[in-house]
């Protein structure tokens, strides 16, 4: 399980970012008759999806860094065996 954790974190992060982006893009379309109430709702939806996108970005970055560190450690251990 420990071998797949960084890859799973990376994948989940990318999926969360994709979902948040799709929902954010759908809410970003301007309304035909923008009133203050609709614009406020649109802004609050954008903030919500931006936070979710940021969570996905952090998860993706964490998974990627974890994979790189583990790969580097394997290379270093292999190099020290010689």
PDB file of N, CA and C in Angstrom:
ATOM      1  N   UNK A   1       0.822  -1.193   0.000  1.00  0.00           N
ATOM      2  CA  UNK A   1       0.000   0.000   0.000  1.00  0.00           C
ATOM      3  C   UNK A   1       0.864   1.254   0.000  1.00  0.00           C
ATOM      4  N   UNK A   2       1.998   1.202   0.674  1.00  0.00           N
ATOM      5  CA  UNK A   2       2.844   2.380   0.778  1.00  0.00           C
ATOM      6  C   UNK A   2       3.425   2.778  -0.579  1.00  0.00           C
ATOM      7  N   UNK A   3       3.595   1.795  -1.466  1.00  0.00           N
ATOM      8  CA  UNK A   3       4.134   2.100  -2.787  1.00  0.00           C
ATOM      9  C   UNK A   3       3.144   2.903  -3.621  1.00  0.00           C
ATOM     10  N   UNK A   4       1.849   2.666  -3.422  1.00  0.00           N
ATOM     11  CA  UNK A   4       0.842   3.302  -4.246  1.00  0.00           C
ATOM     12  C   UNK A   4       0.291   4.597  -3.649  1.00  0.00           C
ATOM     13  N   UNK A   5       0.638   4.923  -2.433  1.00  0.00           N
ATOM     14  CA  UNK A   5       0.089   6.119  -1.779  1.00  0.00           C
ATOM     15  C   UNK A   5       0.438   7.410  -2.510  1.00  0.00           C
ATOM     16  N   UNK A   6       1.705   7.643  -2.913  1.00  0.00           N
ATOM     17  CA  UNK A   6       1.994   8.898  -3.608  1.00  0.00           C
ATOM     18  C   UNK A   6       1.282   9.000  -4.960  1.00  0.00           C
ATOM     19  N   UNK A   7       1.232   7.894  -5.674  1.00  0.00           N
ATOM     20  CA  UNK A   7       0.562   7.898  -6.969  1.00  0.00           C
ATOM     21  C   UNK A   7      -0.936   8.109  -6.798  1.00  0.00           C
ATOM     22  N   UNK A   8      -1.515   7.503  -5.770  1.00  0.00           N
ATOM     23  CA  UNK A   8      -2.939   7.696  -5.498  1.00  0.00           C
ATOM     24  C   UNK A   8      -3.220   9.147  -5.115  1.00  0.00           C
ATOM     25  N   UNK A   9      -2.352   9.741  -4.311  1.00  0.00           N
ATOM     26  CA  UNK A   9      -2.516  11.136  -3.916  1.00  0.00           C
ATOM     27  C   UNK A   9      -2.418  12.048  -5.133  1.00  0.00           C
ATOM     28  N   UNK A  10      -1.482  11.768  -6.006  1.00  0.00           N
ATOM     29  CA  UNK A  10      -1.314  12.541  -7.225  1.00  0.00           C
ATOM     30  C   UNK A  10      -2.560  12.429  -8.108  1.00  0.00           C
ATOM     31  N   UNK A  11      -3.075  11.226  -8.264  1.00  0.00           N
ATOM     32  CA  UNK A  11      -4.250  10.997  -9.106  1.00  0.00           C
ATOM     33  C   UNK A  11      -5.492  11.658  -8.522  1.00  0.00           C
ATOM     34  N   UNK A  12      -5.706  11.503  -7.237  1.00  0.00           N
ATOM     35  CA  UNK A  12      -6.868  12.119  -6.595  1.00  0.00           C
ATOM     36  C   UNK A  12      -6.783  13.636  -6.693  1.00  0.00           C
ATOM     37  N   UNK A  13      -5.604  14.174  -6.493  1.00  0.00           N
ATOM     38  CA  UNK A  13      -5.430  15.622  -6.615  1.00  0.00           C
ATOM     39  C   UNK A  13      -5.770  16.131  -8.005  1.00  0.00           C
ATOM     40  N   UNK A  14      -5.316  15.399  -9.023  1.00  0.00           N
ATOM     41  CA  UNK A  14      -5.618  15.803 -10.395  1.00  0.00           C
ATOM     42  C   UNK A  14      -7.116  15.714 -10.686  1.00  0.00           C
ATOM     43  N   UNK A  15      -7.769  14.666 -10.183  1.00  0.00           N
ATOM     44  CA  UNK A  15      -9.205  14.531 -10.400  1.00  0.00           C
ATOM     45  C   UNK A  15      -9.993  15.628  -9.688  1.00  0.00           C
ATOM     46  N   UNK A  16      -9.575  15.980  -8.486  1.00  0.00           N
ATOM     47  CA  UNK A  16     -10.244  17.067  -7.750  1.00  0.00           C
ATOM     48  C   UNK A  16     -10.058  18.389  -8.487  1.00  0.00           C
ATOM     49  N   UNK A  17      -8.845  18.628  -8.977  1.00  0.00           N
ATOM     50  CA  UNK A  17      -8.601  19.861  -9.723  1.00  0.00           C
ATOM     51  C   UNK A  17      -9.433  19.906 -10.994  1.00  0.00           C
ATOM     52  N   UNK A  18      -9.544  18.783 -11.690  1.00  0.00           N
ATOM     53  CA  UNK A  18     -10.335  18.745 -12.914  1.00  0.00           C
ATOM     54  C   UNK A  18     -11.808  19.019 -12.621  1.00  0.00           C
ATOM     55  N   UNK A  19     -12.347  18.370 -11.595  1.00  0.00           N
ATOM     56  CA  UNK A  19     -13.743  18.605 -11.228  1.00  0.00           C
ATOM     57  C   UNK A  19     -14.001  20.036 -10.807  1.00  0.00           C
ATOM     58  N   UNK A  20     -13.096  20.584 -10.017  1.00  0.00           N
ATOM     59  CA  UNK A  20     -13.261  21.972  -9.572  1.00  0.00           C
ATOM     60  C   UNK A  20     -13.177  22.929 -10.752  1.00  0.00           C
ATOM     61  N   UNK A  21     -12.260  22.651 -11.672  1.00  0.00           N
ATOM     62  CA  UNK A  21     -12.129  23.523 -12.836  1.00  0.00           C
ATOM     63  C   UNK A  21     -13.383  23.484 -13.705  1.00  0.00           C
ATOM     64  N   UNK A  22     -13.920  22.283 -13.903  1.00  0.00           N
ATOM     65  CA  UNK A  22     -15.129  22.174 -14.722  1.00  0.00           C
ATOM     66  C   UNK A  22     -16.311  22.898 -14.083  1.00  0.00           C
ATOM     67  N   UNK A  23     -16.462  22.778 -12.782  1.00  0.00           N
ATOM     68  CA  UNK A  23     -17.557  23.480 -12.087  1.00  0.00           C
ATOM     69  C   UNK A  23     -17.310  24.978 -12.069  1.00  0.00           C
ATOM     70  N   UNK A  24     -16.065  25.386 -11.892  1.00  0.00           N
ATOM     71  CA  UNK A  24     -15.729  26.812 -11.882  1.00  0.00           C
ATOM     72  C   UNK A  24     -15.954  27.413 -13.259  1.00  0.00           C
ATOM     73  N   UNK A  25     -15.589  26.686 -14.300  1.00  0.00           N
ATOM     74  CA  UNK A  25     -15.778  27.198 -15.653  1.00  0.00           C
ATOM     75  C   UNK A  25     -17.264  27.329 -15.981  1.00  0.00           C
ATOM     76  N   UNK A  26     -18.073  26.409 -15.488  1.00  0.00           N
ATOM     77  CA  UNK A  26     -19.517  26.498 -15.722  1.00  0.00           C
ATOM     78  C   UNK A  26     -20.137  27.684 -15.019  1.00  0.00           C
ATOM     79  N   UNK A  27     -19.625  28.040 -13.866  1.00  0.00           N
ATOM     80  CA  UNK A  27     -20.170  29.177 -13.119  1.00  0.00           C
ATOM     81  C   UNK A  27     -19.599  30.510 -13.580  1.00  0.00           C
ATOM     82  N   UNK A  28     -18.568  30.485 -14.385  1.00  0.00           N
ATOM     83  CA  UNK A  28     -17.919  31.722 -14.800  1.00  0.00           C
ATOM     84  C   UNK A  28     -18.630  32.395 -15.972  1.00  0.00           C
ATOM     85  N   UNK A  29     -19.570  31.690 -16.585  1.00  0.00           N
ATOM     86  CA  UNK A  29     -20.268  32.286 -17.716  1.00  0.00           C
ATOM     87  C   UNK A  29     -21.144  33.435 -17.243  1.00  0.00           C
ATOM     88  N   UNK A  30     -21.129  34.537 -17.947  1.00  0.00           N
ATOM     89  CA  UNK A  30     -21.941  35.682 -17.520  1.00  0.00           C
ATOM     90  C   UNK A  30     -23.426  35.428 -17.751  1.00  0.00           C
ATOM     91  N   UNK A  31     -24.214  35.997 -16.885  1.00  0.00           N
ATOM     92  CA  UNK A  31     -25.663  35.894 -17.013  1.00  0.00           C
ATOM     93  C   UNK A  31     -26.160  36.920 -18.034  1.00  0.00           C
ATOM     94  N   UNK A  32     -27.323  36.669 -18.609  1.00  0.00           N
ATOM     95  CA  UNK A  32     -27.886  37.604 -19.579  1.00  0.00           C
ATOM     96  C   UNK A  32     -28.240  38.932 -18.924  1.00  0.00           C
ATOM     97  N   UNK A  33     -28.827  38.848 -17.733  1.00  0.00           N
ATOM     98  CA  UNK A  33     -29.248  40.056 -17.026  1.00  0.00           C
ATOM     99  C   UNK A  33     -28.581  40.054 -15.649  1.00  0.00           C
ATOM    100  N   UNK A  34     -27.341  40.510 -15.559  1.00  0.00           N
ATOM    101  CA  UNK A  34     -26.643  40.432 -14.273  1.00  0.00           C
ATOM    102  C   UNK A  34     -27.207  41.428 -13.255  1.00  0.00           C
ATOM    103  N   UNK A  35     -27.689  40.883 -12.173  1.00  0.00           N
ATOM    104  CA  UNK A  35     -28.125  41.719 -11.062  1.00  0.00           C
ATOM    105  C   UNK A  35     -27.112  41.532  -9.943  1.00  0.00           C
ATOM    106  N   UNK A  36     -27.217  42.339  -8.947  1.00  0.00           N
ATOM    107  CA  UNK A  36     -26.267  42.256  -7.834  1.00  0.00           C
ATOM    108  C   UNK A  36     -26.369  40.903  -7.136  1.00  0.00           C
ATOM    109  N   UNK A  37     -27.578  40.366  -7.026  1.00  0.00           N
ATOM    110  CA  UNK A  37     -27.765  39.082  -6.352  1.00  0.00           C
ATOM    111  C   UNK A  37     -27.113  37.946  -7.142  1.00  0.00           C
ATOM    112  N   UNK A  38     -27.306  37.946  -8.442  1.00  0.00           N
ATOM    113  CA  UNK A  38     -26.709  36.896  -9.273  1.00  0.00           C
ATOM    114  C   UNK A  38     -25.183  37.003  -9.288  1.00  0.00           C
ATOM    115  N   UNK A  39     -24.680  38.218  -9.363  1.00  0.00           N
ATOM    116  CA  UNK A  39     -23.229  38.396  -9.368  1.00  0.00           C
ATOM    117  C   UNK A  39     -22.608  37.989  -8.032  1.00  0.00           C
ATOM    118  N   UNK A  40     -23.309  38.265  -6.931  1.00  0.00           N
ATOM    119  CA  UNK A  40     -22.813  37.846  -5.614  1.00  0.00           C
ATOM    120  C   UNK A  40     -22.798  36.326  -5.507  1.00  0.00           C
ATOM    121  N   UNK A  41     -23.849  35.687  -6.026  1.00  0.00           N
ATOM    122  CA  UNK A  41     -23.896  34.221  -6.021  1.00  0.00           C
ATOM    123  C   UNK A  41     -22.769  33.643  -6.872  1.00  0.00           C
ATOM    124  N   UNK A  42     -22.537  34.247  -8.022  1.00  0.00           N
ATOM    125  CA  UNK A  42     -21.468  33.786  -8.905  1.00  0.00           C
ATOM    126  C   UNK A  42     -20.104  33.938  -8.235  1.00  0.00           C
ATOM    127  N   UNK A  43     -19.894  35.035  -7.531  1.00  0.00           N
ATOM    128  CA  UNK A  43     -18.627  35.256  -6.850  1.00  0.00           C
ATOM    129  C   UNK A  43     -18.422  34.255  -5.715  1.00  0.00           C
ATOM    130  N   UNK A  44     -19.484  33.950  -4.969  1.00  0.00           N
ATOM    131  CA  UNK A  44     -19.347  32.986  -3.878  1.00  0.00           C
ATOM    132  C   UNK A  44     -19.080  31.578  -4.419  1.00  0.00           C
ATOM    133  N   UNK A  45     -19.728  31.217  -5.511  1.00  0.00           N
ATOM    134  CA  UNK A  45     -19.465  29.921  -6.146  1.00  0.00           C
ATOM    135  C   UNK A  45     -18.024  29.852  -6.634  1.00  0.00           C
ATOM    136  N   UNK A  46     -17.524  30.930  -7.208  1.00  0.00           N
ATOM    137  CA  UNK A  46     -16.150  30.959  -7.698  1.00  0.00           C
ATOM    138  C   UNK A  46     -15.165  30.776  -6.549  1.00  0.00           C
ATOM    139  N   UNK A  47     -15.419  31.418  -5.412  1.00  0.00           N
ATOM    140  CA  UNK A  47     -14.532  31.252  -4.253  1.00  0.00           C
ATOM    141  C   UNK A  47     -14.525  29.813  -3.763  1.00  0.00           C
ATOM    142  N   UNK A  48     -15.727  29.206  -3.722  1.00  0.00           N
ATOM    143  CA  UNK A  48     -15.833  27.823  -3.265  1.00  0.00           C
ATOM    144  C   UNK A  48     -15.033  26.888  -4.174  1.00  0.00           C
ATOM    145  N   UNK A  49     -15.187  27.019  -5.464  1.00  0.00           N
ATOM    146  CA  UNK A  49     -14.479  26.130  -6.388  1.00  0.00           C
ATOM    147  C   UNK A  49     -12.993  26.447  -6.440  1.00  0.00           C
ATOM    148  N   UNK A  50     -12.618  27.705  -6.210  1.00  0.00           N
ATOM    149  CA  UNK A  50     -11.193  28.038  -6.151  1.00  0.00           C
ATOM    150  C   UNK A  50     -10.531  27.363  -4.957  1.00  0.00           C
ATOM    151  N   UNK A  51     -11.224  27.306  -3.829  1.00  0.00           N
ATOM    152  CA  UNK A  51     -10.670  26.632  -2.645  1.00  0.00           C
ATOM    153  C   UNK A  51     -10.512  25.144  -2.919  1.00  0.00           C
ATOM    154  N   UNK A  52     -11.515  24.538  -3.550  1.00  0.00           N
ATOM    155  CA  UNK A  52     -11.423  23.118  -3.887  1.00  0.00           C
ATOM    156  C   UNK A  52     -10.288  22.871  -4.882  1.00  0.00           C
ATOM    157  N   UNK A  53     -10.116  23.764  -5.841  1.00  0.00           N
ATOM    158  CA  UNK A  53      -9.018  23.648  -6.800  1.00  0.00           C
ATOM    159  C   UNK A  53      -7.674  23.735  -6.087  1.00  0.00           C
ATOM    160  N   UNK A  54      -7.568  24.628  -5.111  1.00  0.00           N
ATOM    161  CA  UNK A  54      -6.336  24.770  -4.344  1.00  0.00           C
ATOM    162  C   UNK A  54      -6.036  23.504  -3.543  1.00  0.00           C
ATOM    163  N   UNK A  55      -7.062  22.885  -2.965  1.00  0.00           N
ATOM    164  CA  UNK A  55      -6.872  21.620  -2.239  1.00  0.00           C
ATOM    165  C   UNK A  55      -6.349  20.546  -3.192  1.00  0.00           C
ATOM    166  N   UNK A  56      -6.919  20.466  -4.382  1.00  0.00           N
ATOM    167  CA  UNK A  56      -6.442  19.514  -5.379  1.00  0.00           C
ATOM    168  C   UNK A  56      -5.018  19.795  -5.807  1.00  0.00           C
ATOM    169  N   UNK A  57      -4.681  21.067  -5.939  1.00  0.00           N
ATOM    170  CA  UNK A  57      -3.323  21.442  -6.314  1.00  0.00           C
ATOM    171  C   UNK A  57      -2.319  21.042  -5.240  1.00  0.00           C
ATOM    172  N   UNK A  58      -2.670  21.260  -3.985  1.00  0.00           N
ATOM    173  CA  UNK A  58      -1.786  20.873  -2.876  1.00  0.00           C
ATOM    174  C   UNK A  58      -1.618  19.352  -2.835  1.00  0.00           C
ATOM    175  N   UNK A  59      -2.711  18.615  -3.034  1.00  0.00           N
ATOM    176  CA  UNK A  59      -2.623  17.153  -3.036  1.00  0.00           C
ATOM    177  C   UNK A  59      -1.756  16.660  -4.189  1.00  0.00           C
ATOM    178  N   UNK A  60      -1.909  17.260  -5.351  1.00  0.00           N
ATOM    179  CA  UNK A  60      -1.101  16.875  -6.509  1.00  0.00           C
ATOM    180  C   UNK A  60       0.373  17.179  -6.274  1.00  0.00           C
ATOM    181  N   UNK A  61       0.663  18.352  -5.764  1.00  0.00           N
ATOM    182  CA  UNK A  61       2.052  18.721  -5.503  1.00  0.00           C
ATOM    183  C   UNK A  61       2.675  17.808  -4.444  1.00  0.00           C
ATOM    184  N   UNK A  62       1.925  17.483  -3.413  1.00  0.00           N
ATOM    185  CA  UNK A  62       2.428  16.599  -2.363  1.00  0.00           C
ATOM    186  C   UNK A  62       2.743  15.217  -2.921  1.00  0.00           C
ATOM    187  N   UNK A  63       1.822  14.675  -3.726  1.00  0.00           N
ATOM    188  CA  UNK A  63       2.061  13.368  -4.331  1.00  0.00           C
ATOM    189  C   UNK A  63       3.257  13.372  -5.265  1.00  0.00           C
ATOM    190  N   UNK A  64       3.397  14.426  -6.054  1.00  0.00           N
ATOM    191  CA  UNK A  64       4.519  14.513  -6.985  1.00  0.00           C
ATOM    192  C   UNK A  64       5.850  14.634  -6.242  1.00  0.00           C
ATOM    193  N   UNK A  65       5.896  15.457  -5.223  1.00  0.00           N
ATOM    194  CA  UNK A  65       7.130  15.613  -4.448  1.00  0.00           C
ATOM    195  C   UNK A  65       7.477  14.310  -3.746  1.00  0.00           C
ATOM    196  N   UNK A  66       6.474  13.630  -3.218  1.00  0.00           N
ATOM    197  CA  UNK A  66       6.688  12.346  -2.552  1.00  0.00           C
ATOM    198  C   UNK A  66       7.286  11.328  -3.531  1.00  0.00           C
ATOM    199  N   UNK A  67       6.749  11.294  -4.757  1.00  0.00           N
ATOM    200  CA  UNK A  67       7.291  10.379  -5.766  1.00  0.00           C
ATOM    201  C   UNK A  67       8.727  10.732  -6.124  1.00  0.00           C
ATOM    202  N   UNK A  68       9.013  12.015  -6.287  1.00  0.00           N
ATOM    203  CA  UNK A  68      10.371  12.428  -6.646  1.00  0.00           C
ATOM    204  C   UNK A  68      11.374  12.120  -5.536  1.00  0.00           C
ATOM    205  N   UNK A  69      10.988  12.360  -4.302  1.00  0.00           N
ATOM    206  CA  UNK A  69      11.894  12.093  -3.181  1.00  0.00           C
ATOM    207  C   UNK A  69      12.175  10.599  -3.078  1.00  0.00           C
ATOM    208  N   UNK A  70      11.139   9.799  -3.241  1.00  0.00           N
ATOM    209  CA  UNK A  70      11.323   8.348  -3.166  1.00  0.00           C
ATOM    210  C   UNK A  70      12.196   7.845  -4.310  1.00  0.00           C
ATOM    211  N   UNK A  71      11.996   8.403  -5.502  1.00  0.00           N
ATOM    212  CA  UNK A  71      12.822   8.002  -6.653  1.00  0.00           C
ATOM    213  C   UNK A  71      14.275   8.394  -6.444  1.00  0.00           C
ATOM    214  N   UNK A  72      14.484   9.577  -5.911  1.00  0.00           N
ATOM    215  CA  UNK A  72      15.847  10.049  -5.650  1.00  0.00           C
ATOM    216  C   UNK A  72      16.542   9.176  -4.600  1.00  0.00           C
ATOM    217  N   UNK A  73      15.794   8.776  -3.578  1.00  0.00           N
ATOM    218  CA  UNK A  73      16.358   7.926  -2.533  1.00  0.00           C
ATOM    219  C   UNK A  73      16.744   6.564  -3.107  1.00  0.00           C
ATOM    220  N   UNK A  74      15.933   6.034  -4.006  1.00  0.00           N
ATOM    221  CA  UNK A  74      16.270   4.758  -4.634  1.00  0.00           C
ATOM    222  C   UNK A  74      17.542   4.877  -5.468  1.00  0.00           C
ATOM    223  N   UNK A  75      17.659   5.959  -6.215  1.00  0.00           N
ATOM    224  CA  UNK A  75      18.868   6.155  -7.027  1.00  0.00           C
ATOM    225  C   UNK A  75      20.101   6.327  -6.148  1.00  0.00           C
ATOM    226  N   UNK A  76      19.950   7.052  -5.059  1.00  0.00           N
ATOM    227  CA  UNK A  76      21.078   7.264  -4.168  1.00  0.00           C
ATOM    228  C   UNK A  76      21.500   5.950  -3.524  1.00  0.00           C
ATOM    229  N   UNK A  77      20.536   5.129  -3.110  1.00  0.00           N
ATOM    230  CA  UNK A  77      20.844   3.842  -2.494  1.00  0.00           C
ATOM    231  C   UNK A  77      21.522   2.915  -3.508  1.00  0.00           C
ATOM    232  N   UNK A  78      21.076   2.969  -4.735  1.00  0.00           N
ATOM    233  CA  UNK A  78      21.675   2.149  -5.785  1.00  0.00           C
ATOM    234  C   UNK A  78      23.104   2.596  -6.056  1.00  0.00           C
ATOM    235  N   UNK A  79      23.332   3.891  -6.038  1.00  0.00           N
ATOM    236  CA  UNK A  79      24.653   4.440  -6.285  1.00  0.00           C
ATOM    237  C   UNK A  79      25.614   4.086  -5.145  1.00  0.00           C
ATOM    238  N   UNK A  80      25.117   4.077  -3.909  1.00  0.00           N
ATOM    239  CA  UNK A  80      25.966   3.759  -2.764  1.00  0.00           C
ATOM    240  C   UNK A  80      26.338   2.286  -2.715  1.00  0.00           C
ATOM    241  N   UNK A  81      25.543   1.420  -3.330  1.00  0.00           N
ATOM    242  CA  UNK A  81      25.843  -0.018  -3.347  1.00  0.00           C
ATOM    243  C   UNK A  81      27.108  -0.303  -4.137  1.00  0.00           C
ATOM    244  N   UNK A  82      27.386   0.475  -5.128  1.00  0.00           N
ATOM    245  CA  UNK A  82      28.580   0.262  -5.950  1.00  0.00           C
ATOM    246  C   UNK A  82      29.772   0.504  -5.100  1.00  0.00           C
TER     247      UNK A  82
END
